[in-house]
Protein backbone atom coordinates (compact mmCIF):
# COMPACT_ATOMS: atom_id res chain seq x y z
CA MET A 1 -25.85 -3.84 -20.11
CA ASP A 2 -26.70 -3.04 -16.49
CA VAL A 3 -23.71 -3.10 -14.11
CA ALA A 4 -23.86 -2.69 -10.33
CA ILE A 5 -20.50 -1.49 -8.98
CA GLY A 6 -19.92 -1.91 -5.26
CA SER A 7 -18.13 1.39 -4.80
CA HIS A 8 -19.12 4.76 -3.44
CA ILE A 9 -17.52 7.40 -5.67
CA VAL A 10 -16.03 10.24 -3.68
CA SER A 11 -15.26 13.65 -5.17
CA GLY A 12 -11.85 15.13 -4.44
CA PRO A 13 -8.59 13.42 -3.46
CA TRP A 14 -9.08 9.72 -2.70
CA GLY A 15 -7.47 6.39 -3.49
CA GLY A 16 -7.00 4.63 -6.81
CA GLY A 17 -10.10 2.46 -6.32
CA ASN A 18 -12.22 5.59 -6.46
CA ARG A 19 -10.72 6.58 -9.82
CA PHE A 20 -11.27 3.05 -11.14
CA ALA A 21 -14.97 3.05 -10.26
CA SER A 22 -15.49 6.50 -11.74
CA ALA A 23 -13.69 5.64 -15.00
CA LEU A 24 -15.52 2.34 -15.42
CA ALA A 25 -18.94 3.87 -14.73
CA ASP A 26 -18.27 6.56 -17.35
CA ALA A 27 -17.17 3.94 -19.89
CA ILE A 28 -20.26 1.79 -19.31
CA ARG A 29 -22.51 4.81 -19.89
CA ARG A 30 -20.63 5.82 -23.04
CA TYR A 31 -21.09 2.25 -24.25
CA GLY A 32 -24.84 2.71 -23.83
CA GLY A 33 -25.21 0.73 -20.63
CA THR A 34 -26.30 1.54 -17.11
CA ALA A 35 -23.85 1.90 -14.23
CA ARG A 36 -25.15 2.07 -10.69
CA PHE A 37 -23.92 1.48 -7.19
CA ASP A 38 -26.64 -0.61 -5.51
CA LEU A 39 -28.18 -4.07 -5.87
CA SER A 40 -31.77 -3.06 -6.62
CA GLY A 41 -33.50 -4.80 -9.49
CA GLU A 42 -31.68 -7.40 -11.54
CA PRO A 43 -28.33 -6.11 -12.87
CA ASP A 44 -26.61 -8.09 -15.59
CA ILE A 45 -23.27 -7.77 -13.81
CA ILE A 46 -22.50 -7.37 -10.11
CA LEU A 47 -18.98 -6.10 -9.49
CA LEU A 48 -17.66 -6.76 -5.98
CA THR A 49 -14.85 -4.31 -5.23
CA ASP A 50 -14.29 -4.56 -1.47
CA PRO A 51 -15.01 -7.33 1.07
CA ARG A 52 -15.23 -5.03 4.12
CA PRO A 53 -18.81 -4.19 5.19
CA ARG A 54 -17.65 -1.30 7.36
CA ASN A 55 -15.60 0.35 4.62
CA PRO A 56 -17.39 3.62 3.72
CA GLY A 57 -16.15 3.23 0.15
CA ALA A 58 -18.20 0.04 -0.37
CA THR A 59 -21.90 0.26 -1.25
CA PHE A 60 -22.40 -3.50 -1.03
CA THR A 61 -20.25 -6.53 -0.22
CA ALA A 62 -20.40 -10.33 -0.43
CA ARG A 63 -22.93 -10.25 2.39
CA GLU A 64 -25.60 -8.59 0.24
CA ILE A 65 -24.52 -10.42 -2.92
CA PHE A 66 -24.95 -13.84 -1.31
CA ARG A 67 -28.45 -12.97 -0.11
CA LYS A 68 -29.41 -11.87 -3.61
CA LEU A 69 -28.07 -15.08 -5.15
CA ALA A 70 -29.55 -17.35 -2.49
CA PHE A 71 -33.00 -15.84 -2.01
CA SER A 72 -33.83 -14.03 -5.26
CA ASN A 73 -32.78 -16.72 -7.73
CA SER A 74 -30.69 -14.05 -9.38
CA SER A 75 -29.25 -14.49 -12.86
CA SER A 76 -26.73 -11.69 -12.34
CA ILE A 77 -23.10 -12.59 -13.03
CA VAL A 78 -20.83 -11.78 -10.09
CA ILE A 79 -17.28 -10.58 -10.73
CA HIS A 80 -14.86 -10.09 -7.85
CA ARG A 81 -12.14 -7.49 -8.47
CA ILE A 82 -9.20 -8.19 -6.16
CA ASN A 83 -6.97 -5.20 -5.49
CA GLU A 84 -5.91 -5.83 -1.88
CA CYS A 85 -3.96 -8.33 0.23
CA ASP A 86 -2.44 -8.76 3.67
CA GLU A 87 1.02 -8.47 2.16
CA ARG A 88 0.34 -4.84 1.31
CA LYS A 89 0.21 -3.56 4.90
CA ASN A 90 1.29 -6.56 7.00
CA THR A 91 -2.30 -7.16 8.10
CA ARG A 92 -3.69 -10.56 9.10
CA SER A 93 -7.33 -10.70 8.02
CA MET A 94 -7.60 -9.22 4.52
CA ASN A 95 -6.68 -12.40 2.63
CA PHE A 96 -9.29 -14.37 4.59
CA ARG A 97 -11.90 -11.69 3.90
CA LEU A 98 -11.09 -11.73 0.20
CA ARG A 99 -11.15 -15.52 0.03
CA THR A 100 -14.49 -15.66 1.86
CA ALA A 101 -16.02 -12.96 -0.36
CA ASN A 102 -14.72 -14.81 -3.42
CA TYR A 103 -17.17 -17.61 -2.58
CA THR A 104 -19.91 -15.51 -4.21
CA ALA A 105 -17.99 -14.87 -7.44
CA ASP A 106 -18.50 -16.40 -10.86
CA HIS A 107 -15.29 -14.80 -12.14
CA THR A 108 -12.28 -13.16 -10.48
CA VAL A 109 -10.28 -10.23 -11.83
CA PHE A 110 -6.84 -9.34 -10.49
CA VAL A 111 -5.27 -5.91 -10.92
CA GLY A 112 -1.78 -7.44 -10.99
CA ARG A 113 -0.60 -10.89 -12.02
CA TRP A 114 1.38 -11.37 -8.81
CA LEU A 115 -1.89 -11.51 -6.83
CA GLU A 116 -2.87 -14.77 -8.56
CA ASP A 117 -0.32 -16.64 -6.45
CA LEU A 118 -1.62 -15.35 -3.10
CA ASP A 119 -4.23 -17.08 -0.95
CA VAL A 120 -6.88 -14.47 -1.71
CA TRP A 121 -9.25 -16.47 -3.94
CA ARG A 122 -10.81 -19.92 -4.11
CA ARG A 123 -9.59 -20.97 -7.57
CA GLU A 124 -13.04 -22.42 -8.40
CA ASN A 125 -14.04 -20.37 -11.45
CA GLY A 126 -12.48 -18.39 -14.27
CA HIS A 127 -10.15 -15.50 -13.68
CA SER A 128 -8.51 -12.64 -15.58
CA VAL A 129 -5.87 -9.98 -15.07
CA ILE A 130 -6.89 -6.44 -16.01
CA LEU A 131 -4.30 -3.81 -15.21
CA ASN A 132 -5.33 -0.37 -14.01
CA GLY A 133 -4.88 2.73 -16.15
CA ALA A 134 -4.73 6.51 -15.87
CA ASP A 135 -7.34 8.83 -17.35
CA THR A 136 -5.40 10.50 -20.16
CA ARG A 137 -8.00 13.25 -20.45
CA ILE A 138 -6.40 14.50 -17.23
CA PHE A 139 -3.04 12.76 -16.94
CA ASN A 140 -1.16 13.42 -20.17
CA SER A 141 2.09 14.97 -21.32
CA ASN A 142 0.55 18.25 -22.52
CA GLY A 143 2.71 20.95 -20.98
CA PHE A 144 5.26 18.50 -19.58
CA VAL A 145 8.88 19.54 -20.13
CA PRO A 146 11.49 16.78 -19.76
CA TRP A 147 14.67 17.45 -17.84
CA SER A 148 17.28 19.17 -19.98
CA GLY A 149 20.19 18.07 -17.83
CA ASN A 150 20.63 21.56 -16.43
CA GLY A 151 19.82 22.14 -12.78
CA PRO A 152 18.46 19.55 -10.35
CA LEU A 153 16.31 16.66 -11.53
CA ARG A 154 12.88 17.21 -9.98
CA LEU A 155 11.60 13.90 -8.61
CA VAL A 156 8.01 13.40 -7.42
CA THR A 157 5.65 10.78 -6.03
CA HIS A 158 2.08 10.80 -4.74
CA HIS A 159 0.06 8.55 -2.44
CA TRP A 160 -3.31 8.89 -0.77
CA GLY A 161 -2.54 6.23 1.83
CA ALA A 162 -0.12 7.13 4.63
CA HIS A 163 0.97 3.61 5.57
CA TRP A 164 4.73 3.20 5.99
CA MET A 165 4.79 0.45 3.35
CA LYS A 166 3.82 2.99 0.71
CA GLY A 167 7.58 3.42 0.47
CA PHE A 168 8.48 5.83 3.22
CA ASP A 169 11.73 3.98 3.96
CA VAL A 170 12.98 5.08 0.55
CA TYR A 171 11.34 8.52 0.64
CA GLN A 172 13.10 9.12 3.95
CA LEU A 173 16.36 7.97 2.35
CA ILE A 174 15.90 10.53 -0.43
CA ASP A 175 15.27 13.19 2.20
CA ASP A 176 18.47 12.13 3.97
CA LEU A 177 20.44 12.32 0.71
CA LEU A 178 19.37 15.92 0.36
CA ASP A 179 21.27 16.77 3.55
CA ASN A 180 24.31 16.51 1.28
CA SER A 181 25.06 19.63 -0.77
CA GLU A 182 26.21 17.57 -3.77
CA TRP A 183 22.88 15.76 -3.90
CA ARG A 184 20.96 19.00 -3.43
CA ALA A 185 22.66 20.28 -6.58
CA ARG A 186 21.52 17.18 -8.49
CA LEU A 187 18.07 16.45 -7.09
CA GLU A 188 14.83 17.89 -5.71
CA PHE A 189 12.04 15.75 -4.27
CA THR A 190 8.33 16.43 -3.81
CA PHE A 191 5.87 14.19 -1.98
CA ILE A 192 2.16 14.75 -2.72
CA GLY A 193 -0.31 13.19 -0.32
CA ASN A 194 -0.72 12.08 3.26
CA LEU A 195 2.18 11.36 5.63
CA PRO A 196 2.40 8.82 8.46
CA ALA A 197 1.74 10.17 11.93
CA GLU A 198 4.74 11.97 13.43
CA PHE A 199 6.66 11.75 10.14
CA GLY A 200 8.01 14.79 8.37
CA PHE A 201 10.56 15.75 5.74
CA ARG A 202 13.52 18.02 6.42
CA ASN A 203 14.47 18.72 2.82
CA ALA A 204 11.74 17.38 0.56
CA ARG A 205 8.73 19.47 -0.38
CA HIS A 206 5.40 18.16 0.93
CA VAL A 207 2.15 18.98 -0.87
CA PRO A 208 -1.23 17.93 0.64
CA PRO A 209 -3.37 15.47 -1.35
CA LEU A 210 -4.50 16.69 -4.77
CA ASP A 211 -6.88 15.26 -7.33
CA GLY A 212 -7.73 15.55 -10.99
CA LYS A 213 -6.33 18.45 -12.99
CA ALA A 214 -4.70 20.03 -9.93
CA LEU A 215 -2.77 16.82 -9.34
CA ALA A 216 -1.79 16.48 -12.99
CA THR A 217 -0.58 20.08 -13.09
CA GLU A 218 1.56 19.57 -10.00
CA LEU A 219 3.00 16.29 -11.30
CA LYS A 220 4.01 17.93 -14.58
CA ARG A 221 6.10 20.51 -12.72
CA HIS A 222 8.58 17.67 -12.22
CA HIS A 223 10.83 15.59 -14.46
CA ALA A 224 10.67 12.05 -13.09
CA TYR A 225 8.49 9.82 -10.94
CA VAL A 226 9.56 7.51 -8.10
CA THR A 227 7.47 4.82 -6.44
CA ALA A 228 8.85 2.79 -3.55
CA SER A 229 5.58 1.13 -2.55
CA ILE A 230 5.99 -2.36 -1.07
CA ASN A 231 3.66 -5.14 -2.25
CA GLU A 232 1.44 -2.72 -4.13
CA PRO A 233 -1.49 -4.84 -5.39
CA GLY A 234 -2.08 -2.84 -8.58
CA GLY A 235 -1.54 0.83 -8.00
CA ASN A 236 -2.62 3.69 -10.21
CA HIS A 237 -0.15 6.30 -8.96
CA GLN A 238 2.63 5.06 -11.24
CA ASN A 239 0.21 5.14 -14.19
CA GLU A 240 -0.64 8.78 -13.55
CA GLY A 241 2.99 9.81 -13.25
CA ALA A 242 4.02 7.93 -16.39
CA ALA A 243 1.04 9.19 -18.40
CA CYS A 244 2.28 12.72 -17.67
CA GLY A 245 5.50 11.81 -19.49
CA MET A 246 7.81 11.07 -16.56
CA PRO A 247 10.22 8.12 -16.61
CA LEU A 248 9.83 5.81 -13.62
CA LEU A 249 12.19 4.85 -10.83
CA TYR A 250 10.30 1.92 -9.32
CA ARG A 251 10.71 -0.69 -6.61
CA LYS A 252 11.01 -4.38 -7.43
CA SER A 253 7.93 -5.32 -5.44
CA GLY A 254 4.30 -6.27 -5.95
CA CYS A 255 2.74 -5.10 -9.19
CA LEU A 256 5.33 -2.45 -10.01
CA PRO A 257 7.63 -4.53 -12.27
CA GLU A 258 4.61 -5.72 -14.28
CA TYR A 259 3.35 -2.18 -14.84
CA CYS A 260 6.64 -0.31 -15.14
CA GLN A 261 9.10 -2.61 -16.92
CA GLY A 262 10.51 -0.92 -20.01
CA PHE A 263 9.64 2.57 -18.82
CA GLY A 264 12.29 3.28 -16.23
CA ILE A 265 14.76 1.68 -13.85
CA GLU A 266 13.98 -0.86 -11.16
CA PHE A 267 15.55 -0.72 -7.71
CA GLU A 268 15.62 -2.53 -4.39
CA ALA A 269 16.13 -0.93 -1.00
CA GLY A 270 19.77 -1.99 -0.86
CA ASN A 271 20.76 -0.49 -4.21
CA PHE A 272 18.54 2.59 -4.38
CA VAL A 273 21.31 5.21 -4.42
CA LYS A 274 23.18 3.34 -7.14
CA LYS A 275 20.03 3.01 -9.26
CA LEU A 276 19.13 6.66 -8.68
CA SER A 277 22.51 7.71 -10.05
CA MET A 278 22.01 5.41 -13.04
CA PHE A 279 18.53 6.86 -13.57
CA ILE A 280 19.89 10.41 -13.65
CA GLN A 281 22.59 9.40 -16.12
CA GLU A 282 20.21 7.54 -18.44
CA TYR A 283 17.30 9.99 -18.17
CA PRO A 284 17.45 11.28 -21.78
CA GLN A 285 17.04 7.77 -23.20
CA LEU A 286 14.35 6.84 -20.66
CA ALA A 287 12.29 9.92 -21.46
CA LEU A 288 12.07 8.99 -25.15
CA VAL A 289 9.90 5.90 -24.59
CA MET A 290 7.26 7.46 -22.34
CA ALA A 291 4.98 8.39 -25.24
CA ASP A 292 4.32 4.64 -25.59
CA TRP A 293 3.03 4.20 -22.02
CA PRO A 294 0.21 1.62 -22.38
CA HIS A 295 -1.65 1.67 -19.06
CA THR A 296 -4.52 4.06 -19.73
CA ALA A 297 -8.08 4.14 -18.40
CA GLU A 298 -9.37 3.80 -21.97
CA ARG A 299 -7.51 0.53 -22.43
CA MET A 300 -8.48 -0.69 -18.95
CA CYS A 301 -12.17 0.04 -19.46
CA GLY A 302 -12.10 -1.56 -22.89
CA ASN A 303 -10.78 -4.75 -21.30
CA TRP A 304 -13.52 -4.65 -18.67
CA LEU A 305 -16.27 -4.16 -21.24
CA GLU A 306 -14.86 -7.00 -23.31
CA LEU A 307 -14.96 -9.26 -20.25
CA PHE A 308 -18.54 -8.23 -19.42
CA ASN A 309 -19.70 -9.09 -22.93
CA ALA A 310 -17.86 -12.43 -22.94
CA LEU A 311 -19.39 -13.49 -19.62
CA LEU A 312 -22.88 -12.37 -20.62
CA LYS A 313 -22.68 -14.64 -23.66
CA GLU A 314 -22.12 -17.52 -21.23
CA ARG A 315 -24.68 -16.37 -18.67
CA ASP A 316 -26.97 -19.42 -18.88
CA GLU A 317 -24.09 -21.84 -18.40
CA ILE A 318 -22.56 -19.79 -15.58
CA VAL A 319 -25.84 -19.53 -13.66
CA SER A 320 -26.71 -23.21 -14.20
CA ARG A 321 -23.53 -24.42 -12.52
CA ARG A 322 -23.81 -22.03 -9.58
CA ARG A 323 -24.33 -23.75 -6.21
CA VAL A 324 -24.71 -21.05 -3.58
CA TRP A 325 -25.03 -23.53 -0.67
CA ARG A 326 -22.19 -25.85 -1.74
CA GLU A 327 -20.25 -25.01 1.44
CA PRO A 328 -22.75 -23.97 4.13
CA ILE A 329 -20.10 -22.83 6.61
CA THR A 330 -18.42 -20.56 4.05
CA ALA A 331 -21.82 -19.30 2.93
CA LEU A 332 -22.59 -18.30 6.51
CA GLN A 333 -19.15 -16.69 6.87
CA THR A 334 -20.06 -14.27 4.09
CA GLN A 335 -22.74 -12.92 6.44
CA ILE A 336 -20.39 -12.05 9.30
CA PRO A 337 -19.77 -8.25 9.20
CA PHE A 338 -16.09 -8.32 10.14
């Protein structure tokens, strides 16, 4: 099995897409296959991970894939992994980019079921949902000590992206709560990652971006994990926190209910303080179920390998029904480097 992944793996702190590509490449190699990050030769599988030609994290996009399909008579199977949307950051072009790039795909994979309902794909071919997962070789409960009920509950979150919709309305609310001496006796809050421009905490502890074992070690200094991200396509941050043993306080938005249900307490912006108090009260019961957290990189990669094998069994049929020039205008749109 030869798989071309359209991602440039970066060492050090980076986003969840970087961890996905690294974990999948490792799994393919352990399986006995080849994982690479270019379109040379004739890969069995081409995995499109980002539609933006100018994104430094993408090694190839639909632009190069279309040319390979159209001019090389390629028998590679193209899978489009969708892990973005306009709804995530209130942008206006991402859904169009995704939908245009999806023209080249034989199969579409979503990282959260809620994305299926958005106008980000063409609904022409098969699709799957494969949830992201944390690498439990790094993110695990070894050394994690649950909250005993004595002293403040130590709450933590981490994000690479600094966009306000990562949940900074709620993180600011937590910081405001800590102005109150009663809340300071009950709660501590740490934010790991990048902050929006001109934003700062008065009471919360801010730690610059961390990665790998350093991140896991810092996470496990805490008792519980909060994520307030809005319209998160299919994040991995909640997986890493939960894999370390921490119950989740999570926003009812985007992928988070699908990933987190049964492993914490859900909140909305209008009831956050009430749900936080409930979370503190119910913490002992919530902590007991975290050993059953299912969203691991091992499970995720197993699902991807299963999909690759299933599609390769149908390769002849998939390639025979491919019509790369079926919509000439859309085909040409894949070549515009916007």
